[in-house]
Amino acid sequence: MKFVVVAALVLTLASCTQHAASLPVYFDVPQFQLTAQDGRPFDSKVLTGKIWVADFIYTTCPGPCPRMTSQMHQVQNAIIKMPDVRLVSFTVDPARDTPTVLAAYAKAHGASADHWYFLTGSPDTLQKLDRDAFKLGNIGPSLEHSTRFVLLDRQSRIRGYYDTSESGTIPRLIDDIHALARERS
């Protein structure tokens, strides 16, 4: 019986190591400057050395954004004791989503200011990030946007995309965050 328990433990640890190594590297996200929900300039350099999860939402969204924000809150609860993990929500509606509006939205959704940033900026910068950096598509006049979360490693490399409408996505994302936390490169 001891052999079975030891073998199961070894296989479990081996699968964890294999899982971390199996996360692909898709794209590098270049540095950017935006404005955070507190009204201060946000430089993406603060994310250097951090694992982070990004999404694109807007505060008056009648569709998937409330669900996505709730799911991001689940991620926050799972990583709250991980000092090197951050969450970043970019608005796709910078005309309405001012820092004051984003701050109220963050507060209403229980976002930890130490772990979760809500960012706004020029439409052009947000469009370039959404389309060119994160490869999520265009932000159109109707404010349609991707409902995927994006996982980035400590070097701001995209390591995973997660469709928030699929069941099991959030637990898989959380597992992948832990896998990246075990990586040291």
C-alpha atoms as a PDB file:
ATOM      1  CA  MET A   1       0.000   0.000   0.000  1.00  0.00           C
ATOM      2  CA  LYS A   2       2.861   2.397   0.788  1.00  0.00           C
ATOM      3  CA  PHE A   3       4.263   1.801  -2.689  1.00  0.00           C
ATOM      4  CA  VAL A   4       0.936   2.804  -4.261  1.00  0.00           C
ATOM      5  CA  VAL A   5       0.793   6.031  -2.227  1.00  0.00           C
ATOM      6  CA  VAL A   6       4.414   6.917  -3.055  1.00  0.00           C
ATOM      7  CA  ALA A   7       3.889   6.105  -6.749  1.00  0.00           C
ATOM      8  CA  ALA A   8       0.746   8.282  -6.836  1.00  0.00           C
ATOM      9  CA  LEU A   9       2.630  11.148  -5.192  1.00  0.00           C
ATOM     10  CA  VAL A  10       5.520  10.874  -7.667  1.00  0.00           C
ATOM     11  CA  LEU A  11       3.119  10.805 -10.621  1.00  0.00           C
ATOM     12  CA  THR A  12       1.214  13.797  -9.269  1.00  0.00           C
ATOM     13  CA  LEU A  13       4.401  15.821  -8.817  1.00  0.00           C
ATOM     14  CA  ALA A  14       5.646  14.783 -12.253  1.00  0.00           C
ATOM     15  CA  SER A  15       2.384  15.864 -13.867  1.00  0.00           C
ATOM     16  CA  CYS A  16       2.619  19.262 -12.165  1.00  0.00           C
ATOM     17  CA  THR A  17       6.124  19.754 -13.536  1.00  0.00           C
ATOM     18  CA  GLN A  18       5.074  18.608 -16.996  1.00  0.00           C
ATOM     19  CA  HIS A  19       2.066  20.930 -16.920  1.00  0.00           C
ATOM     20  CA  ALA A  20       4.213  24.003 -16.193  1.00  0.00           C
ATOM     21  CA  ALA A  21       6.557  23.088 -19.021  1.00  0.00           C
ATOM     22  CA  SER A  22       3.639  22.498 -21.365  1.00  0.00           C
ATOM     23  CA  LEU A  23       2.325  26.063 -21.261  1.00  0.00           C
ATOM     24  CA  PRO A  24       3.225  27.509 -24.647  1.00  0.00           C
ATOM     25  CA  VAL A  25       4.768  30.915 -25.210  1.00  0.00           C
ATOM     26  CA  TYR A  26       2.616  32.787 -27.715  1.00  0.00           C
ATOM     27  CA  PHE A  27       3.595  36.473 -27.912  1.00  0.00           C
ATOM     28  CA  ASP A  28       5.490  39.163 -26.028  1.00  0.00           C
ATOM     29  CA  VAL A  29       3.386  42.089 -24.838  1.00  0.00           C
ATOM     30  CA  PRO A  30       5.318  45.346 -25.208  1.00  0.00           C
ATOM     31  CA  GLN A  31       5.486  47.910 -22.457  1.00  0.00           C
ATOM     32  CA  PHE A  32       2.629  50.386 -22.278  1.00  0.00           C
ATOM     33  CA  GLN A  33       1.501  53.415 -20.322  1.00  0.00           C
ATOM     34  CA  LEU A  34      -2.123  54.029 -19.373  1.00  0.00           C
ATOM     35  CA  THR A  35      -4.075  55.531 -16.459  1.00  0.00           C
ATOM     36  CA  ALA A  36      -5.157  53.466 -13.448  1.00  0.00           C
ATOM     37  CA  GLN A  37      -8.428  53.637 -11.554  1.00  0.00           C
ATOM     38  CA  ASP A  38      -6.801  55.897  -8.945  1.00  0.00           C
ATOM     39  CA  GLY A  39      -6.077  58.482 -11.657  1.00  0.00           C
ATOM     40  CA  ARG A  40      -2.337  57.901 -11.539  1.00  0.00           C
ATOM     41  CA  PRO A  41      -0.208  57.059 -14.554  1.00  0.00           C
ATOM     42  CA  PHE A  42       0.250  53.313 -14.933  1.00  0.00           C
ATOM     43  CA  ASP A  43       3.471  52.008 -16.451  1.00  0.00           C
ATOM     44  CA  SER A  44       3.466  48.321 -17.309  1.00  0.00           C
ATOM     45  CA  LYS A  45       6.983  48.102 -15.856  1.00  0.00           C
ATOM     46  CA  VAL A  46       5.242  47.464 -12.516  1.00  0.00           C
ATOM     47  CA  LEU A  47       4.209  44.092 -13.979  1.00  0.00           C
ATOM     48  CA  THR A  48       7.798  43.052 -14.692  1.00  0.00           C
ATOM     49  CA  GLY A  49       8.565  39.969 -12.646  1.00  0.00           C
ATOM     50  CA  LYS A  50       4.860  39.358 -12.002  1.00  0.00           C
ATOM     51  CA  ILE A  51       2.481  36.769 -13.374  1.00  0.00           C
ATOM     52  CA  TRP A  52      -0.647  38.513 -14.574  1.00  0.00           C
ATOM     53  CA  VAL A  53      -4.075  37.916 -16.021  1.00  0.00           C
ATOM     54  CA  ALA A  54      -5.614  40.434 -18.421  1.00  0.00           C
ATOM     55  CA  ASP A  55      -9.079  41.029 -19.801  1.00  0.00           C
ATOM     56  CA  PHE A  56     -10.930  43.709 -21.756  1.00  0.00           C
ATOM     57  CA  ILE A  57     -14.267  44.927 -20.385  1.00  0.00           C
ATOM     58  CA  TYR A  58     -16.364  48.062 -19.941  1.00  0.00           C
ATOM     59  CA  THR A  59     -18.352  49.180 -16.938  1.00  0.00           C
ATOM     60  CA  THR A  60     -21.723  49.690 -18.648  1.00  0.00           C
ATOM     61  CA  CYS A  61     -21.582  46.389 -20.521  1.00  0.00           C
ATOM     62  CA  PRO A  62     -24.989  44.673 -20.555  1.00  0.00           C
ATOM     63  CA  GLY A  63     -23.502  41.408 -21.824  1.00  0.00           C
ATOM     64  CA  PRO A  64     -20.551  39.306 -20.702  1.00  0.00           C
ATOM     65  CA  CYS A  65     -18.562  41.871 -18.686  1.00  0.00           C
ATOM     66  CA  PRO A  66     -20.359  41.359 -15.343  1.00  0.00           C
ATOM     67  CA  ARG A  67     -19.725  37.601 -15.657  1.00  0.00           C
ATOM     68  CA  MET A  68     -16.097  38.182 -16.605  1.00  0.00           C
ATOM     69  CA  THR A  69     -15.579  40.549 -13.679  1.00  0.00           C
ATOM     70  CA  SER A  70     -17.138  37.994 -11.338  1.00  0.00           C
ATOM     71  CA  GLN A  71     -14.818  35.338 -12.743  1.00  0.00           C
ATOM     72  CA  MET A  72     -11.819  37.641 -12.346  1.00  0.00           C
ATOM     73  CA  HIS A  73     -12.907  38.125  -8.730  1.00  0.00           C
ATOM     74  CA  GLN A  74     -12.776  34.328  -8.317  1.00  0.00           C
ATOM     75  CA  VAL A  75      -9.228  34.419  -9.659  1.00  0.00           C
ATOM     76  CA  GLN A  76      -8.405  37.245  -7.232  1.00  0.00           C
ATOM     77  CA  ASN A  77      -9.676  35.175  -4.317  1.00  0.00           C
ATOM     78  CA  ALA A  78      -7.530  32.232  -5.423  1.00  0.00           C
ATOM     79  CA  ILE A  79      -4.316  34.270  -5.809  1.00  0.00           C
ATOM     80  CA  ILE A  80      -4.726  36.839  -3.050  1.00  0.00           C
ATOM     81  CA  LYS A  81      -1.861  35.304  -1.036  1.00  0.00           C
ATOM     82  CA  MET A  82       0.443  35.081  -4.059  1.00  0.00           C
ATOM     83  CA  PRO A  83       2.493  38.315  -3.923  1.00  0.00           C
ATOM     84  CA  ASP A  84       3.752  38.012  -7.510  1.00  0.00           C
ATOM     85  CA  VAL A  85       0.374  37.750  -9.288  1.00  0.00           C
ATOM     86  CA  ARG A  86      -1.646  40.688 -10.625  1.00  0.00           C
ATOM     87  CA  LEU A  87      -4.921  41.140 -12.483  1.00  0.00           C
ATOM     88  CA  VAL A  88      -5.386  43.800 -15.164  1.00  0.00           C
ATOM     89  CA  SER A  89      -8.716  44.858 -16.652  1.00  0.00           C
ATOM     90  CA  PHE A  90      -8.515  47.193 -19.653  1.00  0.00           C
ATOM     91  CA  THR A  91     -11.580  49.215 -20.637  1.00  0.00           C
ATOM     92  CA  VAL A  92     -12.817  49.156 -24.207  1.00  0.00           C
ATOM     93  CA  ASP A  93     -14.883  52.301 -23.515  1.00  0.00           C
ATOM     94  CA  PRO A  94     -12.394  54.966 -22.438  1.00  0.00           C
ATOM     95  CA  ALA A  95     -14.827  57.796 -23.247  1.00  0.00           C
ATOM     96  CA  ARG A  96     -17.091  56.708 -20.373  1.00  0.00           C
ATOM     97  CA  ASP A  97     -14.749  54.644 -18.225  1.00  0.00           C
ATOM     98  CA  THR A  98     -12.830  57.438 -16.544  1.00  0.00           C
ATOM     99  CA  PRO A  99     -10.586  56.636 -13.584  1.00  0.00           C
ATOM    100  CA  THR A 100     -13.400  57.695 -11.223  1.00  0.00           C
ATOM    101  CA  VAL A 101     -15.872  55.352 -12.944  1.00  0.00           C
ATOM    102  CA  LEU A 102     -13.327  52.514 -12.947  1.00  0.00           C
ATOM    103  CA  ALA A 103     -12.595  53.066  -9.243  1.00  0.00           C
ATOM    104  CA  ALA A 104     -16.311  52.833  -8.390  1.00  0.00           C
ATOM    105  CA  TYR A 105     -16.633  49.702 -10.545  1.00  0.00           C
ATOM    106  CA  ALA A 106     -13.592  48.127  -8.875  1.00  0.00           C
ATOM    107  CA  LYS A 107     -14.986  48.877  -5.421  1.00  0.00           C
ATOM    108  CA  ALA A 108     -18.436  47.539  -6.311  1.00  0.00           C
ATOM    109  CA  HIS A 109     -16.845  44.276  -7.455  1.00  0.00           C
ATOM    110  CA  GLY A 110     -14.555  43.800  -4.458  1.00  0.00           C
ATOM    111  CA  ALA A 111     -11.313  44.368  -6.364  1.00  0.00           C
ATOM    112  CA  SER A 112      -8.170  44.525  -4.256  1.00  0.00           C
ATOM    113  CA  ALA A 113      -6.249  47.694  -5.167  1.00  0.00           C
ATOM    114  CA  ASP A 114      -3.022  45.823  -4.371  1.00  0.00           C
ATOM    115  CA  HIS A 115      -3.711  43.048  -6.878  1.00  0.00           C
ATOM    116  CA  TRP A 116      -6.141  44.251  -9.540  1.00  0.00           C
ATOM    117  CA  TYR A 117      -5.675  47.237 -11.847  1.00  0.00           C
ATOM    118  CA  PHE A 118      -8.423  48.805 -13.976  1.00  0.00           C
ATOM    119  CA  LEU A 119      -6.871  50.775 -16.822  1.00  0.00           C
ATOM    120  CA  THR A 120      -7.988  53.399 -19.298  1.00  0.00           C
ATOM    121  CA  GLY A 121      -6.253  55.521 -21.877  1.00  0.00           C
ATOM    122  CA  SER A 122      -6.535  56.706 -25.426  1.00  0.00           C
ATOM    123  CA  PRO A 123      -8.748  54.665 -27.751  1.00  0.00           C
ATOM    124  CA  ASP A 124      -5.779  54.221 -30.089  1.00  0.00           C
ATOM    125  CA  THR A 125      -3.538  52.781 -27.360  1.00  0.00           C
ATOM    126  CA  LEU A 126      -6.271  50.439 -26.109  1.00  0.00           C
ATOM    127  CA  GLN A 127      -7.028  49.295 -29.664  1.00  0.00           C
ATOM    128  CA  LYS A 128      -3.338  48.553 -30.328  1.00  0.00           C
ATOM    129  CA  LEU A 129      -3.093  46.588 -27.088  1.00  0.00           C
ATOM    130  CA  ASP A 130      -6.263  44.594 -27.774  1.00  0.00           C
ATOM    131  CA  ARG A 131      -5.531  43.883 -31.440  1.00  0.00           C
ATOM    132  CA  ASP A 132      -1.742  43.919 -31.801  1.00  0.00           C
ATOM    133  CA  ALA A 133      -0.351  42.981 -28.387  1.00  0.00           C
ATOM    134  CA  PHE A 134      -2.943  40.590 -26.960  1.00  0.00           C
ATOM    135  CA  LYS A 135      -4.202  39.393 -30.379  1.00  0.00           C
ATOM    136  CA  LEU A 136      -7.838  39.528 -29.241  1.00  0.00           C
ATOM    137  CA  GLY A 137      -9.326  41.397 -32.206  1.00  0.00           C
ATOM    138  CA  ASN A 138     -10.605  44.907 -32.766  1.00  0.00           C
ATOM    139  CA  ILE A 139     -12.545  47.162 -30.464  1.00  0.00           C
ATOM    140  CA  GLY A 140     -15.378  48.413 -32.630  1.00  0.00           C
ATOM    141  CA  PRO A 141     -17.856  51.247 -32.246  1.00  0.00           C
ATOM    142  CA  SER A 142     -20.389  48.799 -30.779  1.00  0.00           C
ATOM    143  CA  LEU A 143     -17.839  47.947 -28.048  1.00  0.00           C
ATOM    144  CA  GLU A 144     -17.840  44.272 -28.963  1.00  0.00           C
ATOM    145  CA  HIS A 145     -14.747  42.655 -27.511  1.00  0.00           C
ATOM    146  CA  SER A 146     -13.179  39.330 -26.709  1.00  0.00           C
ATOM    147  CA  THR A 147     -14.418  37.447 -23.661  1.00  0.00           C
ATOM    148  CA  ARG A 148     -11.115  35.657 -23.182  1.00  0.00           C
ATOM    149  CA  PHE A 149      -8.738  36.047 -20.273  1.00  0.00           C
ATOM    150  CA  VAL A 150      -5.042  36.142 -21.105  1.00  0.00           C
ATOM    151  CA  LEU A 151      -2.338  34.693 -18.832  1.00  0.00           C
ATOM    152  CA  LEU A 152       1.099  36.303 -18.933  1.00  0.00           C
ATOM    153  CA  ASP A 153       4.328  35.221 -17.308  1.00  0.00           C
ATOM    154  CA  ARG A 154       6.969  37.240 -15.467  1.00  0.00           C
ATOM    155  CA  GLN A 155       8.455  38.429 -18.787  1.00  0.00           C
ATOM    156  CA  SER A 156       5.047  39.640 -20.082  1.00  0.00           C
ATOM    157  CA  ARG A 157       4.827  36.749 -22.510  1.00  0.00           C
ATOM    158  CA  ILE A 158       1.360  35.399 -23.272  1.00  0.00           C
ATOM    159  CA  ARG A 159       1.168  31.829 -22.001  1.00  0.00           C
ATOM    160  CA  GLY A 160      -2.539  31.078 -22.315  1.00  0.00           C
ATOM    161  CA  TYR A 161      -5.946  32.174 -23.542  1.00  0.00           C
ATOM    162  CA  TYR A 162      -9.092  31.236 -21.595  1.00  0.00           C
ATOM    163  CA  ASP A 163     -12.615  31.430 -22.987  1.00  0.00           C
ATOM    164  CA  THR A 164     -14.708  32.682 -20.077  1.00  0.00           C
ATOM    165  CA  SER A 165     -17.901  31.185 -21.504  1.00  0.00           C
ATOM    166  CA  GLU A 166     -16.594  27.614 -21.205  1.00  0.00           C
ATOM    167  CA  SER A 167     -17.127  25.611 -18.032  1.00  0.00           C
ATOM    168  CA  GLY A 168     -13.970  24.713 -16.161  1.00  0.00           C
ATOM    169  CA  THR A 169     -12.060  27.703 -17.515  1.00  0.00           C
ATOM    170  CA  ILE A 170     -11.434  29.488 -14.225  1.00  0.00           C
ATOM    171  CA  PRO A 171     -10.096  26.426 -12.338  1.00  0.00           C
ATOM    172  CA  ARG A 172      -7.817  25.686 -15.330  1.00  0.00           C
ATOM    173  CA  LEU A 173      -6.579  29.300 -15.338  1.00  0.00           C
ATOM    174  CA  ILE A 174      -5.883  29.149 -11.607  1.00  0.00           C
ATOM    175  CA  ASP A 175      -3.992  25.859 -12.067  1.00  0.00           C
ATOM    176  CA  ASP A 176      -1.931  27.464 -14.837  1.00  0.00           C
ATOM    177  CA  ILE A 177      -1.142  30.478 -12.622  1.00  0.00           C
ATOM    178  CA  HIS A 178       0.217  28.070 -10.009  1.00  0.00           C
ATOM    179  CA  ALA A 179       2.184  26.249 -12.713  1.00  0.00           C
ATOM    180  CA  LEU A 180       3.783  29.522 -13.821  1.00  0.00           C
ATOM    181  CA  ALA A 181       4.548  30.373 -10.187  1.00  0.00           C
ATOM    182  CA  ARG A 182       6.601  27.197 -10.017  1.00  0.00           C
ATOM    183  CA  GLU A 183       8.624  28.199 -13.092  1.00  0.00           C
ATOM    184  CA  ARG A 184      11.822  30.068 -12.367  1.00  0.00           C
ATOM    185  CA  SER A 185      12.951  31.138 -15.834  1.00  0.00           C
END
